[in-house]
Amino acid sequence: MTDTTAWDTYARRKPGGRREKNAKGETTWFNWTQYPDHGPGIDVLGEAEKAALLELGCGAGGNLAHAATLGHRAVGVDVSPVQLKAARERWGDLPGLELHQRGALDFMGETAERFDAVYSVFGAVWFTDPRQMLPAVRQVLKPGGVLAFSQRPPVEGCYGCQASYINQADDPNPLVVKRWDYTTDMWTGLLKEHGFRHALANEIPPPEGWKTGTLLVRALVPGA
């Protein structure tokens, strides 16, 4: 099993929990960006009424829960038991929601299930080498299936594998994990290289008063 220290630490230091309701008064909602009530919703994953969805790095399960409330089969994978404990405590009774403590690559390499969409919101796709991640995702997607993921845009000139730091309380030495940063054109090129079609990548502008946008990438596997 992957060492979960970094992600457990990240989970514990996240401020507060998910709000009970969003700005529209909804008890579940889907959010691709790091800002509340901002950006597109679950429609990015397609328009099927009943779909099988896989979230890589599901965290505390808020987006996954929204998918389940809409009647989708919502499967979430995360390495952190702290994150999954929070997900089970809040969402564990939802029909159609299923959680696994596994690394994303391990889970996809072992499952026989095929999904209509695979997605990641500041999750495992960002923290895994795309030359390992993209073939694994293709393997578990149905023909015509959707891959979509979001993450922070790269710092100009800093592309490929970068160091990402997670601070521990009262510890001057942060935990270091790897992340993979690319421009929109680089991402679409990588997706095409690995057999995806209709690859689109764009930066969602931040809300007024904020500086950092969100990179959103979407592509399809070839249909049947």
C-alpha atoms as a PDB file:
ATOM      1  CA  MET A   1       0.000   0.000   0.000  1.00  0.00           C
ATOM      2  CA  THR A   2       1.178   3.506  -0.847  1.00  0.00           C
ATOM      3  CA  ASP A   3       2.460   5.609   2.066  1.00  0.00           C
ATOM      4  CA  THR A   4      -0.505   7.829   2.944  1.00  0.00           C
ATOM      5  CA  THR A   5       1.269  10.187   5.362  1.00  0.00           C
ATOM      6  CA  ALA A   6       1.276  13.182   3.016  1.00  0.00           C
ATOM      7  CA  TRP A   7      -2.364  12.869   2.023  1.00  0.00           C
ATOM      8  CA  ASP A   8      -3.557  12.175   5.557  1.00  0.00           C
ATOM      9  CA  THR A   9      -1.688  15.316   6.657  1.00  0.00           C
ATOM     10  CA  TYR A  10      -3.278  17.305   3.833  1.00  0.00           C
ATOM     11  CA  ALA A  11      -6.738  16.055   4.835  1.00  0.00           C
ATOM     12  CA  ARG A  12      -6.273  17.026   8.467  1.00  0.00           C
ATOM     13  CA  ARG A  13      -5.087  20.549   7.690  1.00  0.00           C
ATOM     14  CA  LYS A  14      -7.873  21.384   5.234  1.00  0.00           C
ATOM     15  CA  PRO A  15      -9.937  24.188   6.756  1.00  0.00           C
ATOM     16  CA  GLY A  16     -13.388  23.043   7.845  1.00  0.00           C
ATOM     17  CA  GLY A  17     -15.623  20.602   6.024  1.00  0.00           C
ATOM     18  CA  ARG A  18     -17.930  20.850   3.065  1.00  0.00           C
ATOM     19  CA  ARG A  19     -20.818  23.245   3.598  1.00  0.00           C
ATOM     20  CA  GLU A  20     -24.267  21.750   4.205  1.00  0.00           C
ATOM     21  CA  LYS A  21     -25.659  23.787   1.284  1.00  0.00           C
ATOM     22  CA  ASN A  22     -24.196  25.778  -1.581  1.00  0.00           C
ATOM     23  CA  ALA A  23     -25.233  29.232  -2.744  1.00  0.00           C
ATOM     24  CA  LYS A  24     -28.257  27.771  -4.560  1.00  0.00           C
ATOM     25  CA  GLY A  25     -29.423  25.921  -1.477  1.00  0.00           C
ATOM     26  CA  GLU A  26     -28.431  22.531  -2.887  1.00  0.00           C
ATOM     27  CA  THR A  27     -27.255  19.830  -0.465  1.00  0.00           C
ATOM     28  CA  THR A  28     -25.012  18.199  -3.094  1.00  0.00           C
ATOM     29  CA  TRP A  29     -23.237  19.821  -6.026  1.00  0.00           C
ATOM     30  CA  PHE A  30     -20.270  19.301  -8.338  1.00  0.00           C
ATOM     31  CA  ASN A  31     -17.320  21.682  -8.383  1.00  0.00           C
ATOM     32  CA  TRP A  32     -14.274  21.462 -10.673  1.00  0.00           C
ATOM     33  CA  THR A  33     -12.484  24.504  -9.286  1.00  0.00           C
ATOM     34  CA  GLN A  34     -10.902  25.436  -5.956  1.00  0.00           C
ATOM     35  CA  TYR A  35     -13.540  28.128  -5.426  1.00  0.00           C
ATOM     36  CA  PRO A  36     -17.054  27.523  -4.063  1.00  0.00           C
ATOM     37  CA  ASP A  37     -20.019  27.897  -6.421  1.00  0.00           C
ATOM     38  CA  HIS A  38     -17.778  28.542  -9.398  1.00  0.00           C
ATOM     39  CA  GLY A  39     -17.264  26.953 -12.794  1.00  0.00           C
ATOM     40  CA  PRO A  40     -19.060  24.163 -14.683  1.00  0.00           C
ATOM     41  CA  GLY A  41     -20.798  21.164 -13.153  1.00  0.00           C
ATOM     42  CA  ILE A  42     -21.177  17.425 -13.663  1.00  0.00           C
ATOM     43  CA  ASP A  43     -22.378  17.926 -17.248  1.00  0.00           C
ATOM     44  CA  VAL A  44     -18.695  17.982 -18.249  1.00  0.00           C
ATOM     45  CA  LEU A  45     -18.830  14.183 -17.863  1.00  0.00           C
ATOM     46  CA  GLY A  46     -21.597  13.721 -20.416  1.00  0.00           C
ATOM     47  CA  GLU A  47     -25.369  13.626 -20.496  1.00  0.00           C
ATOM     48  CA  ALA A  48     -26.173   9.981 -19.707  1.00  0.00           C
ATOM     49  CA  GLU A  49     -28.963   9.667 -17.132  1.00  0.00           C
ATOM     50  CA  LYS A  50     -27.481   6.561 -15.513  1.00  0.00           C
ATOM     51  CA  ALA A  51     -23.714   6.307 -15.903  1.00  0.00           C
ATOM     52  CA  ALA A  52     -20.883   4.474 -14.186  1.00  0.00           C
ATOM     53  CA  LEU A  53     -18.402   7.092 -12.952  1.00  0.00           C
ATOM     54  CA  LEU A  54     -14.954   6.638 -11.393  1.00  0.00           C
ATOM     55  CA  GLU A  55     -13.292   9.413  -9.381  1.00  0.00           C
ATOM     56  CA  LEU A  56      -9.525   9.184  -8.903  1.00  0.00           C
ATOM     57  CA  GLY A  57      -8.549  10.867  -5.640  1.00  0.00           C
ATOM     58  CA  CYS A  58     -12.102  11.344  -4.378  1.00  0.00           C
ATOM     59  CA  GLY A  59     -11.080  12.905  -1.046  1.00  0.00           C
ATOM     60  CA  ALA A  60     -14.030  13.475   1.278  1.00  0.00           C
ATOM     61  CA  GLY A  61     -16.437  12.538  -1.491  1.00  0.00           C
ATOM     62  CA  GLY A  62     -18.484  15.676  -2.136  1.00  0.00           C
ATOM     63  CA  ASN A  63     -18.462  15.457  -5.935  1.00  0.00           C
ATOM     64  CA  LEU A  64     -18.932  11.710  -5.805  1.00  0.00           C
ATOM     65  CA  ALA A  65     -21.983  12.128  -3.577  1.00  0.00           C
ATOM     66  CA  HIS A  66     -23.557  14.509  -6.066  1.00  0.00           C
ATOM     67  CA  ALA A  67     -23.140  11.922  -8.819  1.00  0.00           C
ATOM     68  CA  ALA A  68     -24.803   9.296  -6.630  1.00  0.00           C
ATOM     69  CA  THR A  69     -27.778  11.550  -5.833  1.00  0.00           C
ATOM     70  CA  LEU A  70     -28.392  11.887  -9.574  1.00  0.00           C
ATOM     71  CA  GLY A  71     -28.664   8.112  -9.873  1.00  0.00           C
ATOM     72  CA  HIS A  72     -25.215   7.377 -11.270  1.00  0.00           C
ATOM     73  CA  ARG A  73     -22.998   4.555 -10.081  1.00  0.00           C
ATOM     74  CA  ALA A  74     -20.333   6.581  -8.271  1.00  0.00           C
ATOM     75  CA  VAL A  75     -17.070   4.783  -7.476  1.00  0.00           C
ATOM     76  CA  GLY A  76     -14.365   6.679  -5.618  1.00  0.00           C
ATOM     77  CA  VAL A  77     -10.725   5.784  -5.031  1.00  0.00           C
ATOM     78  CA  ASP A  78      -8.356   7.500  -2.599  1.00  0.00           C
ATOM     79  CA  VAL A  79      -5.178   6.436  -0.787  1.00  0.00           C
ATOM     80  CA  SER A  80      -5.965   8.381   2.400  1.00  0.00           C
ATOM     81  CA  PRO A  81      -7.943   6.615   5.138  1.00  0.00           C
ATOM     82  CA  VAL A  82      -8.507  10.018   6.764  1.00  0.00           C
ATOM     83  CA  GLN A  83     -10.224  11.314   3.639  1.00  0.00           C
ATOM     84  CA  LEU A  84     -12.281   8.162   3.191  1.00  0.00           C
ATOM     85  CA  LYS A  85     -13.365   8.163   6.829  1.00  0.00           C
ATOM     86  CA  ALA A  86     -14.795  11.648   6.290  1.00  0.00           C
ATOM     87  CA  ALA A  87     -16.489  10.493   3.078  1.00  0.00           C
ATOM     88  CA  ARG A  88     -18.085   7.478   4.755  1.00  0.00           C
ATOM     89  CA  GLU A  89     -19.263   9.472   7.758  1.00  0.00           C
ATOM     90  CA  ARG A  90     -21.091  11.992   5.603  1.00  0.00           C
ATOM     91  CA  TRP A  91     -22.055  10.091   2.464  1.00  0.00           C
ATOM     92  CA  GLY A  92     -21.784   6.403   3.308  1.00  0.00           C
ATOM     93  CA  ASP A  93     -25.546   5.747   3.214  1.00  0.00           C
ATOM     94  CA  LEU A  94     -26.068   7.055  -0.324  1.00  0.00           C
ATOM     95  CA  PRO A  95     -27.228   4.352  -2.766  1.00  0.00           C
ATOM     96  CA  GLY A  96     -24.829   3.866  -5.656  1.00  0.00           C
ATOM     97  CA  LEU A  97     -21.787   5.323  -3.867  1.00  0.00           C
ATOM     98  CA  GLU A  98     -18.789   3.011  -3.435  1.00  0.00           C
ATOM     99  CA  LEU A  99     -15.416   3.875  -1.869  1.00  0.00           C
ATOM    100  CA  HIS A 100     -12.038   2.126  -2.091  1.00  0.00           C
ATOM    101  CA  GLN A 101      -8.790   2.859  -0.288  1.00  0.00           C
ATOM    102  CA  ARG A 102      -6.408   2.192  -3.155  1.00  0.00           C
ATOM    103  CA  GLY A 103      -3.914   3.955  -5.331  1.00  0.00           C
ATOM    104  CA  ALA A 104      -5.497   4.994  -8.609  1.00  0.00           C
ATOM    105  CA  LEU A 105      -3.161   2.921 -10.785  1.00  0.00           C
ATOM    106  CA  ASP A 106      -3.545  -0.116  -8.530  1.00  0.00           C
ATOM    107  CA  PHE A 107      -7.330   0.055  -8.624  1.00  0.00           C
ATOM    108  CA  MET A 108      -7.534   0.496 -12.388  1.00  0.00           C
ATOM    109  CA  GLY A 109      -5.057  -2.318 -12.936  1.00  0.00           C
ATOM    110  CA  GLU A 110      -7.203  -4.721 -10.912  1.00  0.00           C
ATOM    111  CA  THR A 111     -10.823  -3.840 -11.668  1.00  0.00           C
ATOM    112  CA  ALA A 112     -12.794  -5.628 -14.373  1.00  0.00           C
ATOM    113  CA  GLU A 113     -15.437  -2.880 -14.453  1.00  0.00           C
ATOM    114  CA  ARG A 114     -15.635  -0.414 -17.325  1.00  0.00           C
ATOM    115  CA  PHE A 115     -16.803   3.145 -16.780  1.00  0.00           C
ATOM    116  CA  ASP A 116     -18.623   5.775 -18.812  1.00  0.00           C
ATOM    117  CA  ALA A 117     -16.410   8.497 -17.345  1.00  0.00           C
ATOM    118  CA  VAL A 118     -13.261   8.814 -15.241  1.00  0.00           C
ATOM    119  CA  TYR A 119     -12.568  12.110 -13.542  1.00  0.00           C
ATOM    120  CA  SER A 120     -10.208  13.773 -11.087  1.00  0.00           C
ATOM    121  CA  VAL A 121     -10.593  17.138  -9.339  1.00  0.00           C
ATOM    122  CA  PHE A 122      -7.175  18.312  -8.131  1.00  0.00           C
ATOM    123  CA  GLY A 123      -6.663  14.585  -7.579  1.00  0.00           C
ATOM    124  CA  ALA A 124      -4.695  11.567  -8.705  1.00  0.00           C
ATOM    125  CA  VAL A 125      -4.300  12.631 -12.342  1.00  0.00           C
ATOM    126  CA  TRP A 126      -2.308  15.643 -11.166  1.00  0.00           C
ATOM    127  CA  PHE A 127      -0.056  13.528  -8.962  1.00  0.00           C
ATOM    128  CA  THR A 128       0.695  10.624 -11.318  1.00  0.00           C
ATOM    129  CA  ASP A 129       2.961  10.418 -14.349  1.00  0.00           C
ATOM    130  CA  PRO A 130       0.576  10.772 -17.332  1.00  0.00           C
ATOM    131  CA  ARG A 131       2.507   8.121 -19.236  1.00  0.00           C
ATOM    132  CA  GLN A 132       1.283   5.694 -16.586  1.00  0.00           C
ATOM    133  CA  MET A 133      -2.062   7.311 -15.866  1.00  0.00           C
ATOM    134  CA  LEU A 134      -3.444   7.812 -19.366  1.00  0.00           C
ATOM    135  CA  PRO A 135      -3.055   4.188 -20.565  1.00  0.00           C
ATOM    136  CA  ALA A 136      -4.605   2.977 -17.299  1.00  0.00           C
ATOM    137  CA  VAL A 137      -7.598   5.289 -17.748  1.00  0.00           C
ATOM    138  CA  ARG A 138      -8.125   4.144 -21.327  1.00  0.00           C
ATOM    139  CA  GLN A 139      -8.159   0.563 -20.088  1.00  0.00           C
ATOM    140  CA  VAL A 140     -11.119   1.168 -17.745  1.00  0.00           C
ATOM    141  CA  LEU A 141     -13.182   3.469 -19.992  1.00  0.00           C
ATOM    142  CA  LYS A 142     -15.961   2.158 -22.192  1.00  0.00           C
ATOM    143  CA  PRO A 143     -15.793   3.012 -25.917  1.00  0.00           C
ATOM    144  CA  GLY A 144     -16.733   6.662 -26.243  1.00  0.00           C
ATOM    145  CA  GLY A 145     -16.048   7.258 -22.540  1.00  0.00           C
ATOM    146  CA  VAL A 146     -14.956  10.587 -21.068  1.00  0.00           C
ATOM    147  CA  LEU A 147     -11.815  11.507 -19.158  1.00  0.00           C
ATOM    148  CA  ALA A 148     -11.982  14.879 -17.409  1.00  0.00           C
ATOM    149  CA  PHE A 149      -9.723  16.410 -14.783  1.00  0.00           C
ATOM    150  CA  SER A 150      -8.905  19.734 -13.206  1.00  0.00           C
ATOM    151  CA  GLN A 151      -5.847  21.121 -11.456  1.00  0.00           C
ATOM    152  CA  ARG A 152      -3.987  24.371 -10.882  1.00  0.00           C
ATOM    153  CA  PRO A 153      -2.465  25.903 -14.043  1.00  0.00           C
ATOM    154  CA  PRO A 154       1.325  25.510 -14.302  1.00  0.00           C
ATOM    155  CA  VAL A 155       3.830  28.164 -13.412  1.00  0.00           C
ATOM    156  CA  GLU A 156       5.234  29.496 -16.671  1.00  0.00           C
ATOM    157  CA  GLY A 157       8.334  27.544 -17.674  1.00  0.00           C
ATOM    158  CA  CYS A 158       7.836  24.852 -14.987  1.00  0.00           C
ATOM    159  CA  TYR A 159       6.472  21.856 -16.854  1.00  0.00           C
ATOM    160  CA  GLY A 160       6.517  18.130 -16.283  1.00  0.00           C
ATOM    161  CA  CYS A 161       7.245  16.623 -12.880  1.00  0.00           C
ATOM    162  CA  GLN A 162       7.393  19.200 -10.082  1.00  0.00           C
ATOM    163  CA  ALA A 163       7.731  19.044  -6.315  1.00  0.00           C
ATOM    164  CA  SER A 164       4.632  19.821  -4.284  1.00  0.00           C
ATOM    165  CA  TYR A 165       4.884  20.527  -0.563  1.00  0.00           C
ATOM    166  CA  ILE A 166       2.474  19.642   2.238  1.00  0.00           C
ATOM    167  CA  ASN A 167       3.261  21.226   5.593  1.00  0.00           C
ATOM    168  CA  GLN A 168       2.839  19.339   8.849  1.00  0.00           C
ATOM    169  CA  ALA A 169       1.802  21.223  11.967  1.00  0.00           C
ATOM    170  CA  ASP A 170       4.794  22.467  13.968  1.00  0.00           C
ATOM    171  CA  ASP A 171       7.219  20.785  11.574  1.00  0.00           C
ATOM    172  CA  PRO A 172       9.621  22.938   9.510  1.00  0.00           C
ATOM    173  CA  ASN A 173      10.243  20.084   7.043  1.00  0.00           C
ATOM    174  CA  PRO A 174       7.294  19.703   4.686  1.00  0.00           C
ATOM    175  CA  LEU A 175       6.239  16.445   3.097  1.00  0.00           C
ATOM    176  CA  VAL A 176       7.061  16.320  -0.603  1.00  0.00           C
ATOM    177  CA  VAL A 177       4.942  14.699  -3.300  1.00  0.00           C
ATOM    178  CA  LYS A 178       5.251  14.847  -7.064  1.00  0.00           C
ATOM    179  CA  ARG A 179       2.823  16.539  -9.413  1.00  0.00           C
ATOM    180  CA  TRP A 180       2.751  16.897 -13.203  1.00  0.00           C
ATOM    181  CA  ASP A 181       2.185  20.361 -14.662  1.00  0.00           C
ATOM    182  CA  TYR A 182       1.610  21.087 -18.358  1.00  0.00           C
ATOM    183  CA  THR A 183       0.181  23.831 -20.542  1.00  0.00           C
ATOM    184  CA  THR A 184      -3.148  23.328 -22.291  1.00  0.00           C
ATOM    185  CA  ASP A 185      -1.376  22.491 -25.565  1.00  0.00           C
ATOM    186  CA  MET A 186       0.929  20.029 -23.824  1.00  0.00           C
ATOM    187  CA  TRP A 187      -2.032  18.236 -22.264  1.00  0.00           C
ATOM    188  CA  THR A 188      -3.923  17.928 -25.515  1.00  0.00           C
ATOM    189  CA  GLY A 189      -0.770  16.605 -27.170  1.00  0.00           C
ATOM    190  CA  LEU A 190      -0.260  13.981 -24.456  1.00  0.00           C
ATOM    191  CA  LEU A 191      -3.865  12.871 -24.707  1.00  0.00           C
ATOM    192  CA  LYS A 192      -3.679  12.472 -28.480  1.00  0.00           C
ATOM    193  CA  GLU A 193      -0.400  10.591 -28.098  1.00  0.00           C
ATOM    194  CA  HIS A 194      -2.186   8.062 -25.876  1.00  0.00           C
ATOM    195  CA  GLY A 195      -5.115   7.526 -28.204  1.00  0.00           C
ATOM    196  CA  PHE A 196      -7.689   9.972 -26.838  1.00  0.00           C
ATOM    197  CA  ARG A 197      -9.847  12.004 -29.199  1.00  0.00           C
ATOM    198  CA  HIS A 198     -11.470  15.448 -29.090  1.00  0.00           C
ATOM    199  CA  ALA A 199      -9.018  16.591 -26.415  1.00  0.00           C
ATOM    200  CA  LEU A 200      -9.793  20.049 -25.080  1.00  0.00           C
ATOM    201  CA  ALA A 201      -7.998  21.998 -22.362  1.00  0.00           C
ATOM    202  CA  ASN A 202      -8.772  25.480 -21.136  1.00  0.00           C
ATOM    203  CA  GLU A 203      -8.237  27.680 -18.129  1.00  0.00           C
ATOM    204  CA  ILE A 204     -11.319  28.692 -16.174  1.00  0.00           C
ATOM    205  CA  PRO A 205     -10.807  32.276 -14.945  1.00  0.00           C
ATOM    206  CA  PRO A 206     -10.968  32.730 -11.171  1.00  0.00           C
ATOM    207  CA  PRO A 207     -13.772  34.634  -9.459  1.00  0.00           C
ATOM    208  CA  GLU A 208     -13.375  38.377  -9.163  1.00  0.00           C
ATOM    209  CA  GLY A 209     -10.681  39.280  -6.675  1.00  0.00           C
ATOM    210  CA  TRP A 210      -8.673  36.069  -7.111  1.00  0.00           C
ATOM    211  CA  LYS A 211      -5.591  35.534  -9.255  1.00  0.00           C
ATOM    212  CA  THR A 212      -5.324  31.783  -9.944  1.00  0.00           C
ATOM    213  CA  GLY A 213      -7.627  30.059 -12.397  1.00  0.00           C
ATOM    214  CA  THR A 214      -8.296  26.353 -12.850  1.00  0.00           C
ATOM    215  CA  LEU A 215      -7.052  24.162 -15.681  1.00  0.00           C
ATOM    216  CA  LEU A 216      -9.833  21.877 -16.977  1.00  0.00           C
ATOM    217  CA  VAL A 217      -9.034  19.092 -19.441  1.00  0.00           C
ATOM    218  CA  ARG A 218     -11.482  16.770 -21.219  1.00  0.00           C
ATOM    219  CA  ALA A 219     -11.076  14.045 -23.834  1.00  0.00           C
ATOM    220  CA  LEU A 220     -12.829  10.938 -25.196  1.00  0.00           C
ATOM    221  CA  VAL A 221     -11.677   7.440 -25.987  1.00  0.00           C
ATOM    222  CA  PRO A 222     -12.626   6.236 -29.486  1.00  0.00           C
ATOM    223  CA  GLY A 223     -16.181   4.896 -29.787  1.00  0.00           C
ATOM    224  CA  ALA A 224     -17.244   1.376 -30.667  1.00  0.00           C
END
